[in-house]
Amino acid sequence: MERPAWAPRGIDISVPSVSRIYDYYLGGSHNFDVDRQAARKAMEFMPGLPKIMQANRAFLRRAVRFAADEGITQFLDIGSGIPTFGNVHEIAQSASPGARVLYVDNDPVAVAHSEAVLEGNEDADVVAADLRKPQEILASSQFQRLIDQNRPVALLLVAILHFVEDEDDPYEAVAQLRDALAPGSLLVVSHASYDGIPLPPERAEGAVDVYKNIRNPLIMRSRDEIARFFKGYDMVEPGLVPMPEWRPDTALEDEDPYSYSGFAGVGRTA
């Protein structure tokens, strides 16, 4: 298998990556054949996966604009993935020049491309780290440089928590991040769930099994289980809802049925 010129040295291009699979769903070009094969296999069971990812990105953009309108000027995006059009820093800095954005990802390709996109942007940076080790994120030089812990932060955990297994205690990781941020901070979450998928659960399980087979288990949690991530937060209206229903800026009747798969919400600390 030939290594593309943009692929960082030292990564195994024979192993699929969830961030590169996501990039493929969104129509990106920074993915390998092995990623495309895994994505197509998952789509055999759930053909609407690209529509789900598009709805997820649309929710992210709306949530960032909401945070900026609320006066938030610091953004911590964990599990940020490979940069695509409409990145967090583009939206936040357009709404509020000088807004600071820190991206976090554990995929070397995502980190390398973020570094390239952010070159020359003094108010945005990326750190190679893992949500499962929040203290390493908080202790990083990039976090210390960009994020003022005495001022509110928008913590973005968009389409990442469903890749953290219960045995790794994602609730504790979210709690540690919550406790490190100033009052008035926001938590932005989207999460996969069997709820809302316009398919029989056993059919959707075929796509979930694809992720399990590439050693990136996709944990489908219930609405109540997802709501637990907001412990210590007051939910912002309209609460925890299907992604298109969170402060929509287009007519809901135009949405694809697959976009209602899973939940999204925003909470604020007191």
Protein backbone atom coordinates (compact mmCIF):
# COMPACT_ATOMS: atom_id res chain seq x y z
CA MET A 1 0.00 0.00 0.00
CA GLU A 2 1.50 3.32 -1.08
CA ARG A 3 1.75 5.97 1.64
CA PRO A 4 0.22 9.32 0.58
CA ALA A 5 2.59 12.28 0.79
CA TRP A 6 0.35 13.94 3.43
CA ALA A 7 0.38 10.93 5.76
CA PRO A 8 2.62 11.45 8.82
CA ARG A 9 5.49 9.01 9.16
CA GLY A 10 5.14 6.38 11.83
CA ILE A 11 1.40 5.72 11.53
CA ASP A 12 0.06 2.38 10.38
CA ILE A 13 -1.99 3.05 7.26
CA SER A 14 -3.30 -0.52 7.29
CA VAL A 15 -5.40 0.09 10.42
CA PRO A 16 -8.71 2.02 10.14
CA SER A 17 -9.21 5.18 12.20
CA VAL A 18 -12.57 6.55 13.35
CA SER A 19 -11.51 10.13 12.57
CA ARG A 20 -10.53 9.21 9.02
CA ILE A 21 -13.73 7.18 8.55
CA TYR A 22 -15.64 10.27 9.71
CA ASP A 23 -13.67 12.35 7.21
CA TYR A 24 -14.76 9.95 4.47
CA TYR A 25 -18.43 10.20 5.49
CA LEU A 26 -18.16 13.98 5.21
CA GLY A 27 -16.67 13.79 1.73
CA GLY A 28 -13.11 14.55 2.82
CA SER A 29 -9.95 13.31 1.11
CA HIS A 30 -7.70 12.59 4.09
CA ASN A 31 -8.50 8.93 4.54
CA PHE A 32 -6.91 5.69 3.43
CA ASP A 33 -8.33 2.75 1.50
CA VAL A 34 -8.67 0.77 4.72
CA ASP A 35 -10.82 3.57 6.19
CA ARG A 36 -13.03 3.68 3.10
CA GLN A 37 -13.49 -0.08 3.19
CA ALA A 38 -14.62 0.03 6.83
CA ALA A 39 -16.97 2.95 6.11
CA ARG A 40 -18.56 1.19 3.15
CA LYS A 41 -18.98 -1.98 5.18
CA ALA A 42 -20.80 -0.04 7.92
CA MET A 43 -22.96 1.65 5.28
CA GLU A 44 -24.10 -1.75 4.01
CA PHE A 45 -26.03 -2.01 7.27
CA MET A 46 -26.77 1.69 7.81
CA PRO A 47 -26.70 3.56 4.48
CA GLY A 48 -27.61 6.85 6.13
CA LEU A 49 -24.35 7.17 8.09
CA PRO A 50 -23.12 10.17 6.02
CA LYS A 51 -26.42 11.96 6.76
CA ILE A 52 -25.89 11.36 10.49
CA MET A 53 -22.38 12.83 10.30
CA GLN A 54 -23.61 15.84 8.35
CA ALA A 55 -26.30 16.46 10.97
CA ASN A 56 -23.64 16.17 13.64
CA ARG A 57 -21.43 18.80 11.98
CA ALA A 58 -24.43 21.09 11.53
CA PHE A 59 -25.22 20.77 15.25
CA LEU A 60 -21.58 21.56 16.10
CA ARG A 61 -21.69 24.75 14.04
CA ARG A 62 -24.96 25.89 15.64
CA ALA A 63 -23.66 25.15 19.13
CA VAL A 64 -20.44 27.11 18.53
CA ARG A 65 -22.41 30.08 17.25
CA PHE A 66 -24.67 29.84 20.30
CA ALA A 67 -21.66 29.80 22.63
CA ALA A 68 -20.17 32.82 20.88
CA ASP A 69 -23.49 34.68 21.14
CA GLU A 70 -23.45 33.90 24.87
CA GLY A 71 -20.09 35.64 25.19
CA ILE A 72 -17.90 32.54 25.31
CA THR A 73 -14.48 33.23 23.78
CA GLN A 74 -12.67 30.00 24.72
CA PHE A 75 -13.33 26.63 23.10
CA LEU A 76 -11.91 23.21 24.01
CA ASP A 77 -12.77 20.71 21.27
CA ILE A 78 -11.84 17.16 22.33
CA GLY A 79 -12.02 14.49 19.64
CA SER A 80 -11.87 17.25 17.04
CA GLY A 81 -10.92 14.98 14.14
CA ILE A 82 -9.56 15.98 10.75
CA PRO A 83 -10.20 19.63 9.86
CA THR A 84 -13.08 20.20 7.45
CA PHE A 85 -14.91 23.28 6.20
CA GLY A 86 -16.58 25.15 9.05
CA ASN A 87 -14.10 24.32 11.78
CA VAL A 88 -14.67 25.51 15.33
CA HIS A 89 -11.97 28.19 15.11
CA GLU A 90 -13.38 29.53 11.85
CA ILE A 91 -16.87 29.92 13.32
CA ALA A 92 -15.75 31.16 16.74
CA GLN A 93 -13.17 33.65 15.46
CA SER A 94 -15.56 34.95 12.82
CA ALA A 95 -18.14 35.64 15.52
CA SER A 96 -15.61 36.89 18.05
CA PRO A 97 -12.17 37.90 16.72
CA GLY A 98 -9.51 36.77 19.14
CA ALA A 99 -11.52 33.78 20.38
CA ARG A 100 -9.22 31.00 21.49
CA VAL A 101 -9.63 27.41 20.35
CA LEU A 102 -7.76 24.31 21.44
CA TYR A 103 -8.30 21.11 19.47
CA VAL A 104 -7.53 17.72 21.03
CA ASP A 105 -7.25 14.41 19.21
CA ASN A 106 -5.34 11.15 19.54
CA ASP A 107 -5.14 10.45 15.79
CA PRO A 108 -1.75 11.55 14.36
CA VAL A 109 -3.34 12.36 10.99
CA ALA A 110 -5.92 14.63 12.64
CA VAL A 111 -3.22 16.34 14.70
CA ALA A 112 -0.89 16.82 11.73
CA HIS A 113 -3.61 18.34 9.57
CA SER A 114 -4.79 20.58 12.38
CA GLU A 115 -1.23 21.86 12.81
CA ALA A 116 -1.08 22.67 9.10
CA VAL A 117 -4.47 24.42 9.09
CA LEU A 118 -3.64 26.44 12.21
CA GLU A 119 -0.18 27.58 11.14
CA GLY A 120 0.11 31.29 11.86
CA ASN A 121 -3.06 31.40 13.98
CA GLU A 122 -1.83 32.46 17.41
CA ASP A 123 -5.27 31.99 18.96
CA ALA A 124 -5.71 28.33 18.05
CA ASP A 125 -3.66 25.20 18.58
CA VAL A 126 -3.88 21.41 18.75
CA VAL A 127 -2.63 18.88 21.29
CA ALA A 128 -2.19 15.14 20.81
CA ALA A 129 -4.06 13.71 23.78
CA ASP A 130 -6.92 11.43 24.79
CA LEU A 131 -10.25 12.21 26.46
CA ARG A 132 -9.68 9.23 28.74
CA LYS A 133 -6.75 11.12 30.32
CA PRO A 134 -8.21 14.57 31.01
CA GLN A 135 -5.42 15.63 33.35
CA GLU A 136 -2.92 15.30 30.50
CA ILE A 137 -5.03 17.68 28.44
CA LEU A 138 -5.27 20.17 31.28
CA ALA A 139 -1.53 19.98 31.96
CA SER A 140 -0.49 20.42 28.33
CA SER A 141 1.47 23.51 27.37
CA GLN A 142 -1.11 24.29 24.68
CA PHE A 143 -3.94 24.32 27.23
CA GLN A 144 -1.93 26.43 29.65
CA ARG A 145 -1.13 28.95 26.91
CA LEU A 146 -4.58 29.30 25.40
CA ILE A 147 -7.17 28.62 28.08
CA ASP A 148 -7.78 30.92 31.06
CA GLN A 149 -9.40 28.68 33.68
CA ASN A 150 -10.87 31.71 35.41
CA ARG A 151 -13.13 32.44 32.44
CA PRO A 152 -15.91 30.29 30.94
CA VAL A 153 -15.04 27.71 28.30
CA ALA A 154 -17.17 25.86 25.77
CA LEU A 155 -16.18 22.20 26.17
CA LEU A 156 -17.03 20.37 22.95
CA LEU A 157 -17.45 16.60 23.20
CA VAL A 158 -19.10 16.09 19.84
CA ALA A 159 -19.33 12.51 18.52
CA ILE A 160 -16.53 11.37 20.84
CA LEU A 161 -18.10 9.96 24.02
CA HIS A 162 -19.62 7.02 22.16
CA PHE A 163 -16.08 5.82 21.46
CA VAL A 164 -15.23 5.64 25.17
CA GLU A 165 -16.21 2.35 26.78
CA ASP A 166 -17.83 2.21 30.21
CA GLU A 167 -14.78 0.47 31.64
CA ASP A 168 -12.78 3.64 30.89
CA ASP A 169 -15.32 5.66 32.91
CA PRO A 170 -16.22 8.47 30.51
CA TYR A 171 -18.47 10.02 33.17
CA GLU A 172 -15.47 10.58 35.44
CA ALA A 173 -13.46 12.10 32.59
CA VAL A 174 -16.27 14.56 31.85
CA ALA A 175 -16.58 15.37 35.56
CA GLN A 176 -12.86 16.12 35.84
CA LEU A 177 -13.06 18.50 32.90
CA ARG A 178 -16.18 20.14 34.35
CA ASP A 179 -14.47 20.73 37.69
CA ALA A 180 -11.43 22.30 35.98
CA LEU A 181 -13.45 24.93 34.12
CA ALA A 182 -14.90 28.19 35.39
CA PRO A 183 -18.57 28.69 36.31
CA GLY A 184 -20.64 29.61 33.29
CA SER A 185 -18.81 27.12 31.08
CA LEU A 186 -20.78 25.16 28.50
CA LEU A 187 -20.76 21.43 27.72
CA VAL A 188 -21.67 20.56 24.12
CA VAL A 189 -22.39 16.86 23.49
CA SER A 190 -23.64 14.74 20.64
CA HIS A 191 -23.85 10.98 21.08
CA ALA A 192 -24.90 7.94 19.08
CA SER A 193 -27.92 5.94 20.17
CA TYR A 194 -30.22 3.29 18.75
CA ASP A 195 -33.03 5.75 19.49
CA GLY A 196 -34.20 7.46 16.33
CA ILE A 197 -32.41 5.27 13.80
CA PRO A 198 -34.94 4.46 11.04
CA LEU A 199 -33.89 0.81 11.01
CA PRO A 200 -34.56 -2.27 13.14
CA PRO A 201 -31.98 -2.40 15.97
CA GLU A 202 -30.60 -5.71 14.76
CA ARG A 203 -29.84 -4.11 11.39
CA ALA A 204 -28.11 -1.13 13.00
CA GLU A 205 -26.07 -3.53 15.12
CA GLY A 206 -24.33 -4.64 11.93
CA ALA A 207 -22.76 -1.18 11.59
CA VAL A 208 -21.85 -1.16 15.28
CA ASP A 209 -20.11 -4.51 14.80
CA VAL A 210 -17.92 -2.99 12.06
CA TYR A 211 -16.51 -0.52 14.57
CA LYS A 212 -16.01 -3.30 17.09
CA ASN A 213 -14.10 -5.30 14.51
CA ILE A 214 -11.68 -2.42 13.88
CA ARG A 215 -11.06 -2.12 17.63
CA ASN A 216 -12.94 1.16 17.99
CA PRO A 217 -16.16 0.00 19.68
CA LEU A 218 -19.15 2.26 19.13
CA ILE A 219 -21.09 2.45 22.40
CA MET A 220 -24.76 3.11 21.73
CA ARG A 221 -26.16 4.68 24.91
CA SER A 222 -29.77 5.46 25.81
CA ARG A 223 -31.04 9.00 26.23
CA ASP A 224 -30.92 8.63 30.03
CA GLU A 225 -27.33 7.38 29.89
CA ILE A 226 -26.32 10.32 27.70
CA ALA A 227 -28.10 12.76 30.03
CA ARG A 228 -25.81 11.58 32.87
CA PHE A 229 -22.89 13.36 31.18
CA PHE A 230 -24.59 16.64 32.05
CA LYS A 231 -24.39 16.10 35.82
CA GLY A 232 -23.50 19.46 37.34
CA TYR A 233 -24.86 21.36 34.33
CA ASP A 234 -28.18 23.09 33.74
CA MET A 235 -29.54 22.13 30.34
CA VAL A 236 -29.96 24.88 27.78
CA GLU A 237 -33.28 24.86 25.91
CA PRO A 238 -34.48 22.73 24.18
CA GLY A 239 -32.59 20.15 26.28
CA LEU A 240 -31.25 16.81 25.08
CA VAL A 241 -32.92 16.21 21.72
CA PRO A 242 -32.28 14.64 18.29
CA MET A 243 -29.58 16.67 16.53
CA PRO A 244 -31.80 18.51 14.01
CA GLU A 245 -34.11 19.68 16.83
CA TRP A 246 -31.40 21.57 18.72
CA ARG A 247 -32.07 25.22 17.78
CA PRO A 248 -32.57 24.48 14.07
CA ASP A 249 -31.88 27.10 11.44
CA THR A 250 -33.60 25.17 8.64
CA ALA A 251 -37.04 23.61 8.31
CA LEU A 252 -37.19 20.27 10.12
CA GLU A 253 -39.32 18.74 7.38
CA ASP A 254 -36.28 19.06 5.09
CA GLU A 255 -34.17 16.80 7.32
CA ASP A 256 -33.23 13.26 6.33
CA PRO A 257 -34.74 10.62 8.67
CA TYR A 258 -31.25 9.36 9.53
CA SER A 259 -30.27 12.74 10.97
CA TYR A 260 -32.54 12.03 13.95
CA SER A 261 -30.28 9.18 15.08
CA GLY A 262 -28.80 9.87 18.52
CA PHE A 263 -28.98 12.96 20.73
CA ALA A 264 -27.40 16.36 21.19
CA GLY A 265 -27.52 18.99 23.90
CA VAL A 266 -25.79 21.87 25.65
CA GLY A 267 -25.47 22.45 29.38
CA ARG A 268 -24.17 25.35 31.46
CA THR A 269 -22.50 25.26 34.87
CA ALA A 270 -23.81 27.56 37.56
